[in-house]
Amino acid sequence: MVRIAVDLNRCQGYAQCAFLAPEIFAMHGEEALLYNPDADEAQRDRLAQAAAACPVQAILVDAVDAPAEAVPGAR
């Protein structure tokens, strides 16, 4: 799983993230950003592009390790 955090005080509503990863980010009105803080690992590349494209660098994307008991074959 990938965890996303957005500094909403820093976000200026440029919507580059919503353009690059619309399944995660959406603009509500002209200034309010809505987003899903927990994303699938398959979306990591799009999230990285969205974070890099943010003009004010308000997006942080971080991996969350699954507990060992949740990983098949792990001890």
N, C-alpha and C. Protein backbone atom coordinates (compact mmCIF):
# COMPACT_ATOMS: atom_id res chain seq x y z
N MET A 1 0.85 -1.18 0.00
CA MET A 1 0.00 0.00 0.00
C MET A 1 0.90 1.24 0.00
N VAL A 2 0.40 2.28 -0.59
CA VAL A 2 1.10 3.56 -0.65
C VAL A 2 0.26 4.59 0.10
N ARG A 3 0.90 5.34 0.95
CA ARG A 3 0.20 6.38 1.71
C ARG A 3 0.55 7.74 1.12
N ILE A 4 -0.46 8.60 1.02
CA ILE A 4 -0.30 9.93 0.45
C ILE A 4 -0.67 10.95 1.50
N ALA A 5 0.13 11.99 1.58
CA ALA A 5 -0.20 13.13 2.45
C ALA A 5 -0.06 14.39 1.62
N VAL A 6 -1.01 15.29 1.77
CA VAL A 6 -0.97 16.56 1.05
C VAL A 6 -1.03 17.68 2.09
N ASP A 7 -0.08 18.59 2.02
CA ASP A 7 -0.09 19.76 2.87
C ASP A 7 -1.11 20.74 2.27
N LEU A 8 -2.31 20.72 2.79
CA LEU A 8 -3.39 21.52 2.22
C LEU A 8 -3.19 23.02 2.48
N ASN A 9 -2.34 23.37 3.42
CA ASN A 9 -2.01 24.78 3.62
C ASN A 9 -1.08 25.27 2.52
N ARG A 10 -0.27 24.37 1.99
CA ARG A 10 0.67 24.72 0.92
C ARG A 10 0.01 24.63 -0.46
N CYS A 11 -0.95 23.70 -0.63
CA CYS A 11 -1.60 23.48 -1.92
C CYS A 11 -2.25 24.78 -2.41
N GLN A 12 -2.01 25.09 -3.68
CA GLN A 12 -2.56 26.31 -4.28
C GLN A 12 -3.63 26.02 -5.33
N GLY A 13 -3.99 24.73 -5.49
CA GLY A 13 -5.06 24.37 -6.41
C GLY A 13 -4.67 24.39 -7.88
N TYR A 14 -3.40 24.15 -8.18
CA TYR A 14 -2.97 24.11 -9.59
C TYR A 14 -3.53 22.91 -10.34
N ALA A 15 -3.92 21.86 -9.62
CA ALA A 15 -4.60 20.66 -10.15
C ALA A 15 -3.73 19.79 -11.04
N GLN A 16 -2.42 19.95 -11.01
CA GLN A 16 -1.55 19.06 -11.79
C GLN A 16 -1.71 17.62 -11.32
N CYS A 17 -1.87 17.41 -10.02
CA CYS A 17 -2.05 16.06 -9.48
C CYS A 17 -3.34 15.43 -9.99
N ALA A 18 -4.42 16.21 -10.03
CA ALA A 18 -5.71 15.69 -10.51
C ALA A 18 -5.65 15.34 -11.99
N PHE A 19 -4.84 16.06 -12.74
CA PHE A 19 -4.67 15.78 -14.16
C PHE A 19 -3.86 14.49 -14.36
N LEU A 20 -2.81 14.29 -13.56
CA LEU A 20 -1.92 13.14 -13.73
C LEU A 20 -2.40 11.87 -13.03
N ALA A 21 -3.16 12.00 -11.96
CA ALA A 21 -3.65 10.83 -11.23
C ALA A 21 -5.11 11.06 -10.80
N PRO A 22 -6.02 11.12 -11.77
CA PRO A 22 -7.42 11.44 -11.45
C PRO A 22 -8.13 10.39 -10.59
N GLU A 23 -7.60 9.17 -10.54
CA GLU A 23 -8.22 8.15 -9.70
C GLU A 23 -7.89 8.36 -8.21
N ILE A 24 -6.94 9.24 -7.92
CA ILE A 24 -6.55 9.54 -6.54
C ILE A 24 -6.93 10.96 -6.14
N PHE A 25 -6.67 11.93 -7.02
CA PHE A 25 -6.87 13.34 -6.71
C PHE A 25 -8.03 13.92 -7.51
N ALA A 26 -8.77 14.82 -6.90
CA ALA A 26 -9.86 15.52 -7.59
C ALA A 26 -10.01 16.91 -6.99
N MET A 27 -10.31 17.85 -7.83
CA MET A 27 -10.58 19.20 -7.36
C MET A 27 -12.07 19.33 -7.06
N HIS A 28 -12.37 19.93 -5.93
CA HIS A 28 -13.75 20.21 -5.53
C HIS A 28 -13.89 21.72 -5.58
N GLY A 29 -14.55 22.20 -6.59
CA GLY A 29 -14.60 23.64 -6.82
C GLY A 29 -13.29 24.07 -7.46
N GLU A 30 -12.87 25.28 -7.22
CA GLU A 30 -11.65 25.78 -7.85
C GLU A 30 -10.43 25.69 -6.96
N GLU A 31 -10.62 25.47 -5.66
CA GLU A 31 -9.48 25.49 -4.77
C GLU A 31 -9.34 24.29 -3.84
N ALA A 32 -10.39 23.54 -3.59
CA ALA A 32 -10.34 22.45 -2.61
C ALA A 32 -9.92 21.14 -3.28
N LEU A 33 -8.87 20.52 -2.73
CA LEU A 33 -8.38 19.25 -3.24
C LEU A 33 -8.93 18.11 -2.40
N LEU A 34 -9.48 17.12 -3.06
CA LEU A 34 -9.90 15.88 -2.41
C LEU A 34 -8.95 14.79 -2.87
N TYR A 35 -8.60 13.86 -1.97
CA TYR A 35 -7.70 12.77 -2.36
C TYR A 35 -7.90 11.57 -1.47
N ASN A 36 -7.50 10.41 -1.98
CA ASN A 36 -7.54 9.16 -1.25
C ASN A 36 -6.16 8.96 -0.62
N PRO A 37 -6.03 8.99 0.71
CA PRO A 37 -4.72 8.89 1.34
C PRO A 37 -4.06 7.53 1.21
N ASP A 38 -4.82 6.48 0.92
CA ASP A 38 -4.28 5.13 0.76
C ASP A 38 -4.50 4.67 -0.66
N ALA A 39 -3.41 4.43 -1.38
CA ALA A 39 -3.52 4.02 -2.78
C ALA A 39 -2.87 2.65 -2.98
N ASP A 40 -3.22 2.02 -4.07
CA ASP A 40 -2.63 0.73 -4.42
C ASP A 40 -1.20 0.92 -4.91
N GLU A 41 -0.39 -0.09 -4.70
CA GLU A 41 1.00 -0.07 -5.15
C GLU A 41 1.07 0.12 -6.67
N ALA A 42 0.08 -0.37 -7.39
CA ALA A 42 0.05 -0.25 -8.85
C ALA A 42 -0.02 1.21 -9.31
N GLN A 43 -0.43 2.10 -8.44
CA GLN A 43 -0.56 3.51 -8.79
C GLN A 43 0.68 4.32 -8.43
N ARG A 44 1.72 3.67 -7.93
CA ARG A 44 2.91 4.36 -7.44
C ARG A 44 3.54 5.27 -8.50
N ASP A 45 3.68 4.81 -9.74
CA ASP A 45 4.32 5.63 -10.78
C ASP A 45 3.53 6.91 -11.05
N ARG A 46 2.22 6.78 -11.16
CA ARG A 46 1.38 7.97 -11.41
C ARG A 46 1.42 8.93 -10.23
N LEU A 47 1.46 8.37 -9.01
CA LEU A 47 1.54 9.21 -7.82
C LEU A 47 2.86 9.95 -7.77
N ALA A 48 3.95 9.27 -8.13
CA ALA A 48 5.26 9.92 -8.15
C ALA A 48 5.28 11.05 -9.17
N GLN A 49 4.66 10.83 -10.32
CA GLN A 49 4.59 11.88 -11.34
C GLN A 49 3.76 13.06 -10.83
N ALA A 50 2.65 12.76 -10.18
CA ALA A 50 1.78 13.82 -9.66
C ALA A 50 2.50 14.63 -8.58
N ALA A 51 3.22 13.95 -7.70
CA ALA A 51 3.96 14.64 -6.64
C ALA A 51 5.06 15.52 -7.23
N ALA A 52 5.76 14.98 -8.22
CA ALA A 52 6.85 15.75 -8.85
C ALA A 52 6.31 16.95 -9.63
N ALA A 53 5.11 16.85 -10.17
CA ALA A 53 4.53 17.93 -10.97
C ALA A 53 3.92 19.05 -10.12
N CYS A 54 3.75 18.81 -8.84
CA CYS A 54 3.15 19.84 -7.97
C CYS A 54 4.07 21.05 -7.89
N PRO A 55 3.63 22.21 -8.34
CA PRO A 55 4.48 23.41 -8.35
C PRO A 55 4.95 23.85 -6.97
N VAL A 56 4.18 23.51 -5.93
CA VAL A 56 4.55 23.94 -4.58
C VAL A 56 5.01 22.77 -3.70
N GLN A 57 5.18 21.59 -4.32
CA GLN A 57 5.66 20.39 -3.63
C GLN A 57 4.85 20.11 -2.36
N ALA A 58 3.54 20.06 -2.49
CA ALA A 58 2.65 19.84 -1.36
C ALA A 58 2.31 18.37 -1.14
N ILE A 59 2.76 17.47 -2.03
CA ILE A 59 2.37 16.06 -1.97
C ILE A 59 3.54 15.20 -1.52
N LEU A 60 3.28 14.35 -0.53
CA LEU A 60 4.26 13.37 -0.06
C LEU A 60 3.70 11.98 -0.32
N VAL A 61 4.48 11.13 -0.98
CA VAL A 61 4.08 9.76 -1.28
C VAL A 61 5.05 8.85 -0.55
N ASP A 62 4.51 7.91 0.24
CA ASP A 62 5.34 7.03 1.05
C ASP A 62 4.79 5.61 1.00
N ALA A 63 5.68 4.64 0.97
CA ALA A 63 5.27 3.23 1.00
C ALA A 63 4.99 2.83 2.43
N VAL A 64 4.01 1.96 2.61
CA VAL A 64 3.69 1.42 3.92
C VAL A 64 3.94 -0.07 3.84
N ASP A 65 4.81 -0.57 4.69
CA ASP A 65 5.11 -2.00 4.69
C ASP A 65 3.96 -2.78 5.30
N ALA A 66 3.64 -3.90 4.67
CA ALA A 66 2.62 -4.78 5.21
C ALA A 66 3.22 -5.57 6.36
N PRO A 67 2.46 -5.87 7.41
CA PRO A 67 2.97 -6.70 8.50
C PRO A 67 3.38 -8.06 7.96
N ALA A 68 4.40 -8.66 8.57
CA ALA A 68 4.95 -9.93 8.08
C ALA A 68 3.86 -11.00 7.98
N GLU A 69 2.91 -11.02 8.92
CA GLU A 69 1.87 -12.06 8.88
C GLU A 69 0.91 -11.86 7.70
N ALA A 70 0.90 -10.67 7.09
CA ALA A 70 0.03 -10.41 5.95
C ALA A 70 0.69 -10.78 4.63
N VAL A 71 1.99 -11.07 4.65
CA VAL A 71 2.73 -11.40 3.43
C VAL A 71 2.83 -12.92 3.34
N PRO A 72 2.29 -13.53 2.29
CA PRO A 72 2.36 -14.98 2.15
C PRO A 72 3.81 -15.46 2.13
N GLY A 73 4.08 -16.49 2.94
CA GLY A 73 5.41 -17.09 2.98
C GLY A 73 6.37 -16.39 3.92
N ALA A 74 5.98 -15.27 4.49
CA ALA A 74 6.86 -14.55 5.43
C ALA A 74 6.76 -15.15 6.80
N ARG A 75 7.83 -15.06 7.56
CA ARG A 75 7.82 -15.58 8.93
C ARG A 75 8.02 -14.48 9.91
